[in-house]
Amino acid sequence: MARGSSATRAVLVDAPPASIWPWLVQMGSGRGGVYTYDWIESILGLNMHSADEILPRFQDRRVGDAEELGRHGPTLRVVDLVPERSMVLRADDGNWVWAFGLYPTGDGRTTLVSRNRISDPGASAFRRVFTTLVMEPGSLVMERKMLLGIRRRAERLAAESGADDALAPEGAATFQALAR
């Protein structure tokens, strides 16, 4: 069994990157939440409360910004940020990289991609089996909810603002390189 895992998940959003970006940059514990099942996040002690509105105080995310995931979780730091294109977070211990990419389709829609790469050096056989059988399926459920939550919010924002955007795919190479 591998000593780590990776997952790439995506959703097509009927909105331009400009309507998705605010939801991404405000994500986090004690910020805008992660748009999943808040009750599960609370059980895990992560202080997540998913916002249904854009929170101006959390729109100025920068490379180097850090946040802790709960009391005992990793510290995630922004290592790459290309507005309306990509955001890459990395755990300070280097064992987790979480990358988001926004890819315009050319027809006013955007593919939102979330990619996780997690390593667990020194994990016991029991922990590797637990991760495979419990954590990975749980991650699928939570991440799907997150992507659908972002899609719902972004599509609502685009409809309210009448947004239309056709950005060039700058930043895609950075996103792909860092997410490997």
C-alpha atoms as a PDB file:
ATOM      1  CA  MET A   1       0.000   0.000   0.000  1.00  0.00           C
ATOM      2  CA  ALA A   2       1.163   3.500  -0.791  1.00  0.00           C
ATOM      3  CA  ARG A   3       2.235   5.782   2.030  1.00  0.00           C
ATOM      4  CA  GLY A   4       0.087   8.609   0.780  1.00  0.00           C
ATOM      5  CA  SER A   5      -2.817   9.474  -1.401  1.00  0.00           C
ATOM      6  CA  SER A   6      -3.876  11.926  -4.018  1.00  0.00           C
ATOM      7  CA  ALA A   7      -7.250  12.932  -5.332  1.00  0.00           C
ATOM      8  CA  THR A   8      -8.351  15.254  -8.084  1.00  0.00           C
ATOM      9  CA  ARG A   9     -11.975  16.284  -8.147  1.00  0.00           C
ATOM     10  CA  ALA A  10     -13.775  18.832 -10.274  1.00  0.00           C
ATOM     11  CA  VAL A  11     -17.119  20.433 -10.925  1.00  0.00           C
ATOM     12  CA  LEU A  12     -18.387  22.501 -13.848  1.00  0.00           C
ATOM     13  CA  VAL A  13     -19.693  25.862 -12.654  1.00  0.00           C
ATOM     14  CA  ASP A  14     -22.092  27.954 -14.711  1.00  0.00           C
ATOM     15  CA  ALA A  15     -20.208  31.117 -13.770  1.00  0.00           C
ATOM     16  CA  PRO A  16     -16.946  32.890 -14.633  1.00  0.00           C
ATOM     17  CA  PRO A  17     -13.851  32.666 -12.388  1.00  0.00           C
ATOM     18  CA  ALA A  18     -14.659  36.103 -10.918  1.00  0.00           C
ATOM     19  CA  SER A  19     -17.789  34.635  -9.320  1.00  0.00           C
ATOM     20  CA  ILE A  20     -15.936  31.625  -7.877  1.00  0.00           C
ATOM     21  CA  TRP A  21     -12.772  33.322  -6.628  1.00  0.00           C
ATOM     22  CA  PRO A  22     -14.275  35.172  -3.623  1.00  0.00           C
ATOM     23  CA  TRP A  23     -15.579  31.872  -2.226  1.00  0.00           C
ATOM     24  CA  LEU A  24     -12.165  30.235  -2.542  1.00  0.00           C
ATOM     25  CA  VAL A  25     -10.096  32.977  -0.943  1.00  0.00           C
ATOM     26  CA  GLN A  26     -12.357  33.247   2.087  1.00  0.00           C
ATOM     27  CA  MET A  27     -12.264  29.508   2.782  1.00  0.00           C
ATOM     28  CA  GLY A  28     -10.902  28.282   6.069  1.00  0.00           C
ATOM     29  CA  SER A  29     -11.383  27.696   9.749  1.00  0.00           C
ATOM     30  CA  GLY A  30     -12.572  30.867  11.460  1.00  0.00           C
ATOM     31  CA  ARG A  31     -13.068  32.401   8.007  1.00  0.00           C
ATOM     32  CA  GLY A  32     -15.757  31.474   5.449  1.00  0.00           C
ATOM     33  CA  GLY A  33     -15.721  27.750   6.255  1.00  0.00           C
ATOM     34  CA  VAL A  34     -15.336  25.126   3.569  1.00  0.00           C
ATOM     35  CA  TYR A  35     -18.949  24.768   2.401  1.00  0.00           C
ATOM     36  CA  THR A  36     -19.286  21.140   3.492  1.00  0.00           C
ATOM     37  CA  TYR A  37     -21.250  19.607   6.348  1.00  0.00           C
ATOM     38  CA  ASP A  38     -20.606  22.096   9.153  1.00  0.00           C
ATOM     39  CA  TRP A  39     -21.861  19.659  11.784  1.00  0.00           C
ATOM     40  CA  ILE A  40     -19.144  17.167  10.827  1.00  0.00           C
ATOM     41  CA  GLU A  41     -16.490  19.884  10.842  1.00  0.00           C
ATOM     42  CA  SER A  42     -17.685  20.916  14.332  1.00  0.00           C
ATOM     43  CA  ILE A  43     -17.438  17.336  15.644  1.00  0.00           C
ATOM     44  CA  LEU A  44     -13.839  17.335  14.403  1.00  0.00           C
ATOM     45  CA  GLY A  45     -13.168  20.606  16.253  1.00  0.00           C
ATOM     46  CA  LEU A  46     -12.366  22.572  13.093  1.00  0.00           C
ATOM     47  CA  ASN A  47     -14.467  25.700  13.801  1.00  0.00           C
ATOM     48  CA  MET A  48     -15.987  25.687  10.324  1.00  0.00           C
ATOM     49  CA  HIS A  49     -19.123  27.689   9.627  1.00  0.00           C
ATOM     50  CA  SER A  50     -19.869  27.939   5.922  1.00  0.00           C
ATOM     51  CA  ALA A  51     -20.702  31.473   4.851  1.00  0.00           C
ATOM     52  CA  ASP A  52     -23.476  32.120   2.357  1.00  0.00           C
ATOM     53  CA  GLU A  53     -22.234  35.600   1.562  1.00  0.00           C
ATOM     54  CA  ILE A  54     -18.971  37.158   0.462  1.00  0.00           C
ATOM     55  CA  LEU A  55     -17.029  38.269   3.546  1.00  0.00           C
ATOM     56  CA  PRO A  56     -14.990  41.368   2.583  1.00  0.00           C
ATOM     57  CA  ARG A  57     -12.587  40.959   5.542  1.00  0.00           C
ATOM     58  CA  PHE A  58     -11.361  37.643   4.074  1.00  0.00           C
ATOM     59  CA  GLN A  59     -10.867  38.684   0.445  1.00  0.00           C
ATOM     60  CA  ASP A  60      -7.259  39.853   0.760  1.00  0.00           C
ATOM     61  CA  ARG A  61      -5.482  36.502   0.920  1.00  0.00           C
ATOM     62  CA  ARG A  62      -1.738  36.564   0.228  1.00  0.00           C
ATOM     63  CA  VAL A  63       1.129  34.144  -0.292  1.00  0.00           C
ATOM     64  CA  GLY A  64       2.445  33.280   3.165  1.00  0.00           C
ATOM     65  CA  ASP A  65      -0.930  33.541   4.924  1.00  0.00           C
ATOM     66  CA  ALA A  66      -1.385  30.621   7.306  1.00  0.00           C
ATOM     67  CA  GLU A  67      -4.208  29.026   9.224  1.00  0.00           C
ATOM     68  CA  GLU A  68      -4.465  26.112  11.578  1.00  0.00           C
ATOM     69  CA  LEU A  69      -6.955  23.349  10.940  1.00  0.00           C
ATOM     70  CA  GLY A  70      -8.343  22.824  14.406  1.00  0.00           C
ATOM     71  CA  ARG A  71      -6.340  22.641  17.622  1.00  0.00           C
ATOM     72  CA  HIS A  72      -4.255  19.632  16.638  1.00  0.00           C
ATOM     73  CA  GLY A  73      -4.351  19.778  12.864  1.00  0.00           C
ATOM     74  CA  PRO A  74      -1.767  20.988  10.394  1.00  0.00           C
ATOM     75  CA  THR A  75      -1.027  24.597   9.568  1.00  0.00           C
ATOM     76  CA  LEU A  76      -1.838  25.306   5.936  1.00  0.00           C
ATOM     77  CA  ARG A  77       0.074  28.118   4.270  1.00  0.00           C
ATOM     78  CA  VAL A  78      -0.710  29.810   0.940  1.00  0.00           C
ATOM     79  CA  VAL A  79       2.289  29.052  -1.299  1.00  0.00           C
ATOM     80  CA  ASP A  80       0.917  30.211  -4.642  1.00  0.00           C
ATOM     81  CA  LEU A  81      -1.895  32.587  -5.504  1.00  0.00           C
ATOM     82  CA  VAL A  82      -2.901  33.773  -8.958  1.00  0.00           C
ATOM     83  CA  PRO A  83      -6.162  35.753  -8.645  1.00  0.00           C
ATOM     84  CA  GLU A  84      -9.098  34.123 -10.407  1.00  0.00           C
ATOM     85  CA  ARG A  85      -6.785  31.296 -11.585  1.00  0.00           C
ATOM     86  CA  SER A  86      -5.272  29.227  -8.765  1.00  0.00           C
ATOM     87  CA  MET A  87      -4.636  28.942  -5.046  1.00  0.00           C
ATOM     88  CA  VAL A  88      -2.226  26.400  -3.574  1.00  0.00           C
ATOM     89  CA  LEU A  89      -1.966  25.617   0.139  1.00  0.00           C
ATOM     90  CA  ARG A  90       0.751  23.488   1.712  1.00  0.00           C
ATOM     91  CA  ALA A  91       1.010  22.108   5.226  1.00  0.00           C
ATOM     92  CA  ASP A  92       4.051  23.421   7.080  1.00  0.00           C
ATOM     93  CA  ASP A  93       5.319  19.852   7.499  1.00  0.00           C
ATOM     94  CA  GLY A  94       5.155  19.407   3.707  1.00  0.00           C
ATOM     95  CA  ASN A  95       2.894  16.356   3.934  1.00  0.00           C
ATOM     96  CA  TRP A  96      -0.209  17.916   2.383  1.00  0.00           C
ATOM     97  CA  VAL A  97      -0.680  20.083  -0.696  1.00  0.00           C
ATOM     98  CA  TRP A  98      -4.174  21.305  -1.556  1.00  0.00           C
ATOM     99  CA  ALA A  99      -4.497  23.107  -4.876  1.00  0.00           C
ATOM    100  CA  PHE A 100      -7.469  24.798  -6.509  1.00  0.00           C
ATOM    101  CA  GLY A 101      -7.588  25.738 -10.171  1.00  0.00           C
ATOM    102  CA  LEU A 102     -10.152  27.671 -12.181  1.00  0.00           C
ATOM    103  CA  TYR A 103     -10.330  26.813 -15.886  1.00  0.00           C
ATOM    104  CA  PRO A 104     -12.690  28.882 -18.068  1.00  0.00           C
ATOM    105  CA  THR A 105     -14.418  26.769 -20.704  1.00  0.00           C
ATOM    106  CA  GLY A 106     -14.872  29.627 -23.177  1.00  0.00           C
ATOM    107  CA  ASP A 107     -18.657  29.701 -22.895  1.00  0.00           C
ATOM    108  CA  GLY A 108     -18.995  31.600 -19.612  1.00  0.00           C
ATOM    109  CA  ARG A 109     -18.583  28.505 -17.472  1.00  0.00           C
ATOM    110  CA  THR A 110     -15.584  27.413 -15.409  1.00  0.00           C
ATOM    111  CA  THR A 111     -14.211  24.081 -14.308  1.00  0.00           C
ATOM    112  CA  LEU A 112     -13.278  24.250 -10.631  1.00  0.00           C
ATOM    113  CA  VAL A 113     -10.600  21.673  -9.783  1.00  0.00           C
ATOM    114  CA  SER A 114      -9.517  20.627  -6.297  1.00  0.00           C
ATOM    115  CA  ARG A 115      -6.416  18.478  -5.995  1.00  0.00           C
ATOM    116  CA  ASN A 116      -5.038  16.973  -2.784  1.00  0.00           C
ATOM    117  CA  ARG A 117      -1.740  15.169  -2.320  1.00  0.00           C
ATOM    118  CA  ILE A 118      -1.123  13.770   1.128  1.00  0.00           C
ATOM    119  CA  SER A 119       1.838  11.771   2.341  1.00  0.00           C
ATOM    120  CA  ASP A 120       2.006   9.938   5.643  1.00  0.00           C
ATOM    121  CA  PRO A 121       5.626   8.949   6.214  1.00  0.00           C
ATOM    122  CA  GLY A 122       6.068   6.251   8.785  1.00  0.00           C
ATOM    123  CA  ALA A 123       2.389   5.310   8.879  1.00  0.00           C
ATOM    124  CA  SER A 124       1.651   1.913  10.349  1.00  0.00           C
ATOM    125  CA  ALA A 125      -0.127  -0.737   8.301  1.00  0.00           C
ATOM    126  CA  PHE A 126      -3.257  -0.153  10.413  1.00  0.00           C
ATOM    127  CA  ARG A 127      -3.190   3.588   9.707  1.00  0.00           C
ATOM    128  CA  ARG A 128      -2.738   3.017   5.962  1.00  0.00           C
ATOM    129  CA  VAL A 129      -5.722   0.642   5.901  1.00  0.00           C
ATOM    130  CA  PHE A 130      -7.799   3.085   7.984  1.00  0.00           C
ATOM    131  CA  THR A 131      -6.908   5.906   5.606  1.00  0.00           C
ATOM    132  CA  THR A 132      -7.857   3.835   2.570  1.00  0.00           C
ATOM    133  CA  LEU A 133     -11.114   2.452   3.958  1.00  0.00           C
ATOM    134  CA  VAL A 134     -12.377   5.374   6.056  1.00  0.00           C
ATOM    135  CA  MET A 135     -10.592   8.653   5.403  1.00  0.00           C
ATOM    136  CA  GLU A 136     -10.489   8.541   1.596  1.00  0.00           C
ATOM    137  CA  PRO A 137     -14.229   7.794   1.197  1.00  0.00           C
ATOM    138  CA  GLY A 138     -14.975  10.445   3.832  1.00  0.00           C
ATOM    139  CA  SER A 139     -12.835  12.919   1.927  1.00  0.00           C
ATOM    140  CA  LEU A 140     -14.772  12.158  -1.262  1.00  0.00           C
ATOM    141  CA  VAL A 141     -18.101  12.910   0.442  1.00  0.00           C
ATOM    142  CA  MET A 142     -16.837  16.109   2.085  1.00  0.00           C
ATOM    143  CA  GLU A 143     -15.013  17.419  -0.963  1.00  0.00           C
ATOM    144  CA  ARG A 144     -17.982  16.750  -3.227  1.00  0.00           C
ATOM    145  CA  LYS A 145     -20.182  18.738  -0.848  1.00  0.00           C
ATOM    146  CA  MET A 146     -17.575  21.536  -0.839  1.00  0.00           C
ATOM    147  CA  LEU A 147     -17.368  21.724  -4.642  1.00  0.00           C
ATOM    148  CA  LEU A 148     -21.155  21.679  -5.006  1.00  0.00           C
ATOM    149  CA  GLY A 149     -21.449  24.322  -2.271  1.00  0.00           C
ATOM    150  CA  ILE A 150     -18.999  26.601  -4.055  1.00  0.00           C
ATOM    151  CA  ARG A 151     -20.811  25.989  -7.352  1.00  0.00           C
ATOM    152  CA  ARG A 152     -24.198  26.905  -5.857  1.00  0.00           C
ATOM    153  CA  ARG A 153     -22.831  30.084  -4.276  1.00  0.00           C
ATOM    154  CA  ALA A 154     -20.860  31.145  -7.375  1.00  0.00           C
ATOM    155  CA  GLU A 155     -23.779  30.562  -9.741  1.00  0.00           C
ATOM    156  CA  ARG A 156     -26.023  32.617  -7.463  1.00  0.00           C
ATOM    157  CA  LEU A 157     -23.420  35.415  -7.365  1.00  0.00           C
ATOM    158  CA  ALA A 158     -23.042  35.355 -11.165  1.00  0.00           C
ATOM    159  CA  ALA A 159     -26.818  35.521 -11.659  1.00  0.00           C
ATOM    160  CA  GLU A 160     -27.104  38.420  -9.205  1.00  0.00           C
ATOM    161  CA  SER A 161     -24.262  40.398 -10.770  1.00  0.00           C
ATOM    162  CA  GLY A 162     -24.871  39.469 -14.398  1.00  0.00           C
ATOM    163  CA  ALA A 163     -21.201  38.457 -14.513  1.00  0.00           C
ATOM    164  CA  ASP A 164     -19.500  37.521 -17.736  1.00  0.00           C
ATOM    165  CA  ASP A 165     -15.791  36.787 -17.868  1.00  0.00           C
ATOM    166  CA  ALA A 166     -13.413  35.325 -20.416  1.00  0.00           C
ATOM    167  CA  LEU A 167      -9.975  35.263 -18.805  1.00  0.00           C
ATOM    168  CA  ALA A 168      -7.006  33.648 -20.491  1.00  0.00           C
ATOM    169  CA  PRO A 169      -5.750  30.488 -18.758  1.00  0.00           C
ATOM    170  CA  GLU A 170      -2.797  32.209 -17.053  1.00  0.00           C
ATOM    171  CA  GLY A 171      -1.643  30.460 -13.927  1.00  0.00           C
ATOM    172  CA  ALA A 172      -2.677  27.010 -15.109  1.00  0.00           C
ATOM    173  CA  ALA A 173       0.937  25.884 -15.477  1.00  0.00           C
ATOM    174  CA  THR A 174       1.768  27.078 -11.949  1.00  0.00           C
ATOM    175  CA  PHE A 175      -1.256  25.246 -10.556  1.00  0.00           C
ATOM    176  CA  GLN A 176      -0.353  22.025 -12.339  1.00  0.00           C
ATOM    177  CA  ALA A 177       3.323  22.174 -11.335  1.00  0.00           C
ATOM    178  CA  LEU A 178       2.662  22.825  -7.640  1.00  0.00           C
ATOM    179  CA  ALA A 179      -0.125  20.271  -7.404  1.00  0.00           C
ATOM    180  CA  ARG A 180       2.038  17.390  -8.631  1.00  0.00           C
END
